[in-house]
Amino acid sequence: MCEPILVLNAGSSSLKFSVFETTTDRSLKGSIHGEVEDISGSANLTVVDAHGHKVEDWLGLAFDAAANEAEGPRISTAGSKVSAWVIPTDENLMIARHTRHLLDS
């Protein structure tokens, strides 16, 4: 079975990622890669396919820069083919709740 491999590289202000496909001969083929820049400020997401095309162009996603700067809730334009939304969450709290549940069971 050829399963994808996700590689994450988290820094203090950015998160870089790549997805590699494993081929039948076990070699790796780049699929998509991207980066979330300025995590502590107004985050900017870039995703590029193996041919160098921006995924948001392929999806028909048009970001609204002002809405993104204001942190949403909707960060895509009204004319975008798909919508993008900011959903506030506390991931650390969710991880702690799941951990407590596992420890209690």
N, C-alpha and C. Protein backbone atom coordinates (compact mmCIF):
# COMPACT_ATOMS: atom_id res chain seq x y z
N MET A 1 0.84 -1.18 0.00
CA MET A 1 0.00 0.00 0.00
C MET A 1 0.89 1.25 0.00
N CYS A 2 0.55 2.22 -0.80
CA CYS A 2 1.31 3.47 -0.89
C CYS A 2 0.62 4.51 -0.03
N GLU A 3 1.20 4.80 1.12
CA GLU A 3 0.60 5.75 2.04
C GLU A 3 1.38 7.05 2.04
N PRO A 4 0.67 8.17 2.20
CA PRO A 4 1.37 9.46 2.25
C PRO A 4 2.09 9.64 3.57
N ILE A 5 3.14 10.44 3.53
CA ILE A 5 3.90 10.81 4.73
C ILE A 5 3.81 12.32 4.87
N LEU A 6 3.36 12.77 6.03
CA LEU A 6 3.28 14.19 6.34
C LEU A 6 4.49 14.57 7.18
N VAL A 7 5.22 15.59 6.75
CA VAL A 7 6.38 16.09 7.49
C VAL A 7 6.06 17.50 7.97
N LEU A 8 6.21 17.73 9.28
CA LEU A 8 5.97 19.04 9.86
C LEU A 8 7.27 19.57 10.44
N ASN A 9 7.53 20.85 10.22
CA ASN A 9 8.70 21.53 10.76
C ASN A 9 8.20 22.79 11.44
N ALA A 10 8.06 22.73 12.76
CA ALA A 10 7.51 23.85 13.51
C ALA A 10 8.63 24.69 14.10
N GLY A 11 8.59 25.96 13.80
CA GLY A 11 9.54 26.91 14.37
C GLY A 11 8.81 27.87 15.29
N SER A 12 9.51 28.89 15.73
CA SER A 12 8.90 29.85 16.67
C SER A 12 7.89 30.77 15.99
N SER A 13 8.04 30.98 14.69
CA SER A 13 7.11 31.90 14.02
C SER A 13 6.50 31.33 12.75
N SER A 14 6.85 30.08 12.42
CA SER A 14 6.28 29.49 11.20
C SER A 14 6.13 27.99 11.35
N LEU A 15 5.30 27.43 10.52
CA LEU A 15 5.10 25.99 10.43
C LEU A 15 5.22 25.62 8.96
N LYS A 16 6.20 24.78 8.64
CA LYS A 16 6.38 24.32 7.27
C LYS A 16 5.92 22.87 7.20
N PHE A 17 5.34 22.49 6.07
CA PHE A 17 4.87 21.12 5.93
C PHE A 17 5.07 20.63 4.50
N SER A 18 5.22 19.32 4.38
CA SER A 18 5.31 18.67 3.08
C SER A 18 4.58 17.34 3.16
N VAL A 19 3.97 16.95 2.07
CA VAL A 19 3.34 15.64 1.97
C VAL A 19 4.07 14.89 0.86
N PHE A 20 4.54 13.69 1.18
CA PHE A 20 5.24 12.85 0.23
C PHE A 20 4.41 11.59 0.00
N GLU A 21 4.34 11.16 -1.24
CA GLU A 21 3.70 9.89 -1.57
C GLU A 21 4.78 8.83 -1.62
N THR A 22 4.48 7.67 -1.04
CA THR A 22 5.43 6.56 -1.15
C THR A 22 5.03 5.75 -2.38
N THR A 23 5.99 5.43 -3.20
CA THR A 23 5.70 4.66 -4.41
C THR A 23 5.89 3.17 -4.13
N THR A 24 5.51 2.34 -5.08
CA THR A 24 5.60 0.89 -4.88
C THR A 24 7.03 0.42 -4.64
N ASP A 25 8.01 1.16 -5.15
CA ASP A 25 9.41 0.77 -4.91
C ASP A 25 9.97 1.44 -3.63
N ARG A 26 9.08 2.04 -2.81
CA ARG A 26 9.40 2.66 -1.54
C ARG A 26 10.13 3.99 -1.67
N SER A 27 10.24 4.53 -2.88
CA SER A 27 10.83 5.86 -3.01
C SER A 27 9.76 6.91 -2.67
N LEU A 28 10.18 8.13 -2.48
CA LEU A 28 9.28 9.20 -2.09
C LEU A 28 9.11 10.20 -3.22
N LYS A 29 7.89 10.63 -3.41
CA LYS A 29 7.57 11.60 -4.46
C LYS A 29 6.85 12.78 -3.79
N GLY A 30 7.40 13.98 -3.99
CA GLY A 30 6.78 15.17 -3.39
C GLY A 30 5.40 15.40 -3.94
N SER A 31 4.48 15.76 -3.06
CA SER A 31 3.09 15.99 -3.47
C SER A 31 2.73 17.46 -3.31
N ILE A 32 2.51 17.89 -2.09
CA ILE A 32 2.26 19.31 -1.83
C ILE A 32 3.18 19.75 -0.71
N HIS A 33 3.40 21.04 -0.62
CA HIS A 33 4.16 21.60 0.49
C HIS A 33 3.66 23.01 0.75
N GLY A 34 3.96 23.49 1.91
CA GLY A 34 3.51 24.84 2.22
C GLY A 34 4.06 25.34 3.52
N GLU A 35 3.55 26.47 3.91
CA GLU A 35 4.05 27.15 5.10
C GLU A 35 2.97 28.06 5.67
N VAL A 36 2.92 28.11 6.97
CA VAL A 36 2.13 29.12 7.67
C VAL A 36 3.16 30.05 8.29
N GLU A 37 3.19 31.28 7.81
CA GLU A 37 4.15 32.28 8.29
C GLU A 37 3.50 33.20 9.31
N ASP A 38 4.30 33.79 10.15
CA ASP A 38 3.87 34.79 11.14
C ASP A 38 2.76 34.25 12.03
N ILE A 39 3.02 33.09 12.64
CA ILE A 39 2.01 32.43 13.48
C ILE A 39 1.55 33.34 14.61
N SER A 40 2.45 34.09 15.20
CA SER A 40 2.08 34.93 16.34
C SER A 40 1.40 36.23 15.93
N GLY A 41 1.37 36.52 14.65
CA GLY A 41 0.74 37.75 14.18
C GLY A 41 -0.44 37.45 13.29
N SER A 42 -0.42 37.98 12.10
CA SER A 42 -1.47 37.74 11.11
C SER A 42 -0.99 36.61 10.20
N ALA A 43 -1.33 35.40 10.56
CA ALA A 43 -0.81 34.21 9.88
C ALA A 43 -1.14 34.23 8.39
N ASN A 44 -0.19 33.74 7.60
CA ASN A 44 -0.34 33.68 6.15
C ASN A 44 -0.06 32.24 5.71
N LEU A 45 -1.03 31.61 5.04
CA LEU A 45 -0.89 30.23 4.60
C LEU A 45 -0.58 30.19 3.11
N THR A 46 0.43 29.40 2.74
CA THR A 46 0.77 29.16 1.35
C THR A 46 0.86 27.65 1.15
N VAL A 47 0.14 27.13 0.14
CA VAL A 47 0.19 25.71 -0.20
C VAL A 47 0.45 25.60 -1.69
N VAL A 48 1.47 24.79 -2.07
CA VAL A 48 1.88 24.66 -3.46
C VAL A 48 1.88 23.18 -3.82
N ASP A 49 1.39 22.84 -5.02
CA ASP A 49 1.41 21.45 -5.45
C ASP A 49 2.77 21.09 -6.04
N ALA A 50 2.91 19.85 -6.48
CA ALA A 50 4.20 19.36 -6.98
C ALA A 50 4.67 20.10 -8.23
N HIS A 51 3.76 20.78 -8.93
CA HIS A 51 4.11 21.50 -10.15
C HIS A 51 4.35 22.99 -9.90
N GLY A 52 4.28 23.40 -8.63
CA GLY A 52 4.52 24.80 -8.29
C GLY A 52 3.29 25.68 -8.36
N HIS A 53 2.12 25.09 -8.55
CA HIS A 53 0.88 25.87 -8.60
C HIS A 53 0.32 26.05 -7.20
N LYS A 54 -0.12 27.26 -6.90
CA LYS A 54 -0.73 27.51 -5.60
C LYS A 54 -2.06 26.78 -5.53
N VAL A 55 -2.27 26.06 -4.45
CA VAL A 55 -3.48 25.26 -4.30
C VAL A 55 -4.72 26.15 -4.24
N GLU A 56 -4.59 27.35 -3.65
CA GLU A 56 -5.77 28.22 -3.58
C GLU A 56 -6.23 28.65 -4.97
N ASP A 57 -5.29 28.74 -5.93
CA ASP A 57 -5.68 29.04 -7.30
C ASP A 57 -6.47 27.88 -7.90
N TRP A 58 -5.99 26.66 -7.65
CA TRP A 58 -6.65 25.46 -8.17
C TRP A 58 -8.04 25.30 -7.56
N LEU A 59 -8.17 25.62 -6.27
CA LEU A 59 -9.46 25.51 -5.58
C LEU A 59 -10.42 26.64 -5.96
N GLY A 60 -9.87 27.74 -6.44
CA GLY A 60 -10.70 28.92 -6.68
C GLY A 60 -10.90 29.72 -5.41
N LEU A 61 -9.96 29.59 -4.48
CA LEU A 61 -10.05 30.29 -3.20
C LEU A 61 -9.44 31.67 -3.33
N ALA A 62 -10.21 32.67 -2.97
CA ALA A 62 -9.73 34.05 -2.98
C ALA A 62 -9.78 34.58 -1.56
N PHE A 63 -8.61 34.89 -0.99
CA PHE A 63 -8.54 35.40 0.38
C PHE A 63 -8.88 36.87 0.43
N ASP A 64 -9.56 37.28 1.49
CA ASP A 64 -9.84 38.68 1.78
C ASP A 64 -8.79 39.13 2.79
N ALA A 65 -7.81 39.91 2.34
CA ALA A 65 -6.68 40.31 3.18
C ALA A 65 -7.14 41.06 4.43
N ALA A 66 -8.10 41.96 4.29
CA ALA A 66 -8.58 42.73 5.44
C ALA A 66 -9.28 41.83 6.45
N ALA A 67 -10.09 40.90 5.97
CA ALA A 67 -10.78 39.98 6.87
C ALA A 67 -9.78 39.06 7.57
N ASN A 68 -8.75 38.65 6.84
CA ASN A 68 -7.72 37.80 7.44
C ASN A 68 -6.96 38.57 8.52
N GLU A 69 -6.65 39.82 8.24
CA GLU A 69 -5.96 40.67 9.22
C GLU A 69 -6.82 40.84 10.48
N ALA A 70 -8.15 40.95 10.28
CA ALA A 70 -9.08 41.11 11.40
C ALA A 70 -9.44 39.77 12.05
N GLU A 71 -8.86 38.68 11.55
CA GLU A 71 -9.06 37.32 12.05
C GLU A 71 -10.49 36.84 11.85
N GLY A 72 -11.08 37.21 10.72
CA GLY A 72 -12.35 36.61 10.29
C GLY A 72 -13.58 37.24 10.89
N PRO A 73 -14.63 36.44 10.97
CA PRO A 73 -14.60 34.99 10.91
C PRO A 73 -14.44 34.41 9.50
N ARG A 74 -15.02 35.03 8.48
CA ARG A 74 -14.81 34.53 7.13
C ARG A 74 -13.63 35.27 6.53
N ILE A 75 -12.67 34.52 5.95
CA ILE A 75 -11.47 35.16 5.40
C ILE A 75 -11.36 34.99 3.89
N SER A 76 -12.42 34.48 3.27
CA SER A 76 -12.46 34.41 1.81
C SER A 76 -13.40 35.48 1.29
N THR A 77 -13.19 35.89 0.05
CA THR A 77 -14.04 36.92 -0.53
C THR A 77 -15.41 36.35 -0.87
N ALA A 78 -16.37 37.22 -1.07
CA ALA A 78 -17.72 36.79 -1.43
C ALA A 78 -17.73 36.06 -2.77
N GLY A 79 -16.82 36.43 -3.69
CA GLY A 79 -16.77 35.81 -5.00
C GLY A 79 -15.92 34.54 -5.07
N SER A 80 -15.34 34.12 -3.96
CA SER A 80 -14.50 32.93 -3.93
C SER A 80 -15.33 31.69 -4.21
N LYS A 81 -14.77 30.72 -4.96
CA LYS A 81 -15.50 29.48 -5.28
C LYS A 81 -15.68 28.61 -4.04
N VAL A 82 -14.77 28.72 -3.07
CA VAL A 82 -14.89 28.03 -1.80
C VAL A 82 -14.74 29.05 -0.69
N SER A 83 -15.29 28.74 0.47
CA SER A 83 -15.17 29.69 1.58
C SER A 83 -14.15 29.19 2.59
N ALA A 84 -13.51 30.13 3.24
CA ALA A 84 -12.52 29.83 4.28
C ALA A 84 -12.91 30.62 5.53
N TRP A 85 -12.90 29.93 6.65
CA TRP A 85 -13.35 30.51 7.90
C TRP A 85 -12.30 30.32 8.99
N VAL A 86 -12.23 31.26 9.91
CA VAL A 86 -11.41 31.14 11.10
C VAL A 86 -12.30 30.56 12.19
N ILE A 87 -11.86 29.47 12.78
CA ILE A 87 -12.61 28.84 13.86
C ILE A 87 -11.73 28.85 15.11
N PRO A 88 -11.98 29.78 16.02
CA PRO A 88 -11.15 29.85 17.22
C PRO A 88 -11.27 28.57 18.04
N THR A 89 -10.16 28.11 18.54
CA THR A 89 -10.15 26.92 19.38
C THR A 89 -8.96 26.97 20.31
N ASP A 90 -9.00 26.19 21.33
CA ASP A 90 -7.89 26.07 22.26
C ASP A 90 -7.39 24.63 22.18
N GLU A 91 -6.43 24.38 21.28
CA GLU A 91 -5.95 23.02 21.04
C GLU A 91 -5.34 22.41 22.29
N ASN A 92 -4.61 23.20 23.06
CA ASN A 92 -3.99 22.66 24.27
C ASN A 92 -5.02 22.17 25.27
N LEU A 93 -6.13 22.91 25.42
CA LEU A 93 -7.19 22.49 26.31
C LEU A 93 -7.82 21.19 25.81
N MET A 94 -8.04 21.08 24.51
CA MET A 94 -8.62 19.86 23.95
C MET A 94 -7.69 18.66 24.17
N ILE A 95 -6.40 18.85 23.97
CA ILE A 95 -5.43 17.77 24.20
C ILE A 95 -5.46 17.36 25.68
N ALA A 96 -5.50 18.34 26.58
CA ALA A 96 -5.55 18.04 28.01
C ALA A 96 -6.81 17.27 28.37
N ARG A 97 -7.96 17.65 27.80
CA ARG A 97 -9.21 16.94 28.08
C ARG A 97 -9.15 15.50 27.58
N HIS A 98 -8.62 15.30 26.38
CA HIS A 98 -8.50 13.94 25.84
C HIS A 98 -7.52 13.11 26.67
N THR A 99 -6.43 13.73 27.11
CA THR A 99 -5.45 13.03 27.94
C THR A 99 -6.08 12.63 29.27
N ARG A 100 -6.81 13.56 29.89
CA ARG A 100 -7.47 13.24 31.16
C ARG A 100 -8.44 12.09 30.98
N HIS A 101 -9.20 12.11 29.89
CA HIS A 101 -10.16 11.03 29.60
C HIS A 101 -9.45 9.68 29.48
N LEU A 102 -8.33 9.66 28.76
CA LEU A 102 -7.57 8.42 28.60
C LEU A 102 -7.02 7.93 29.94
N LEU A 103 -6.52 8.85 30.76
CA LEU A 103 -5.97 8.48 32.07
C LEU A 103 -7.05 7.99 33.03
N ASP A 104 -8.27 8.55 32.91
CA ASP A 104 -9.37 8.17 33.78
C ASP A 104 -10.00 6.84 33.38
N SER A 105 -9.77 6.39 32.14
CA SER A 105 -10.45 5.16 31.70
C SER A 105 -9.61 3.92 31.92
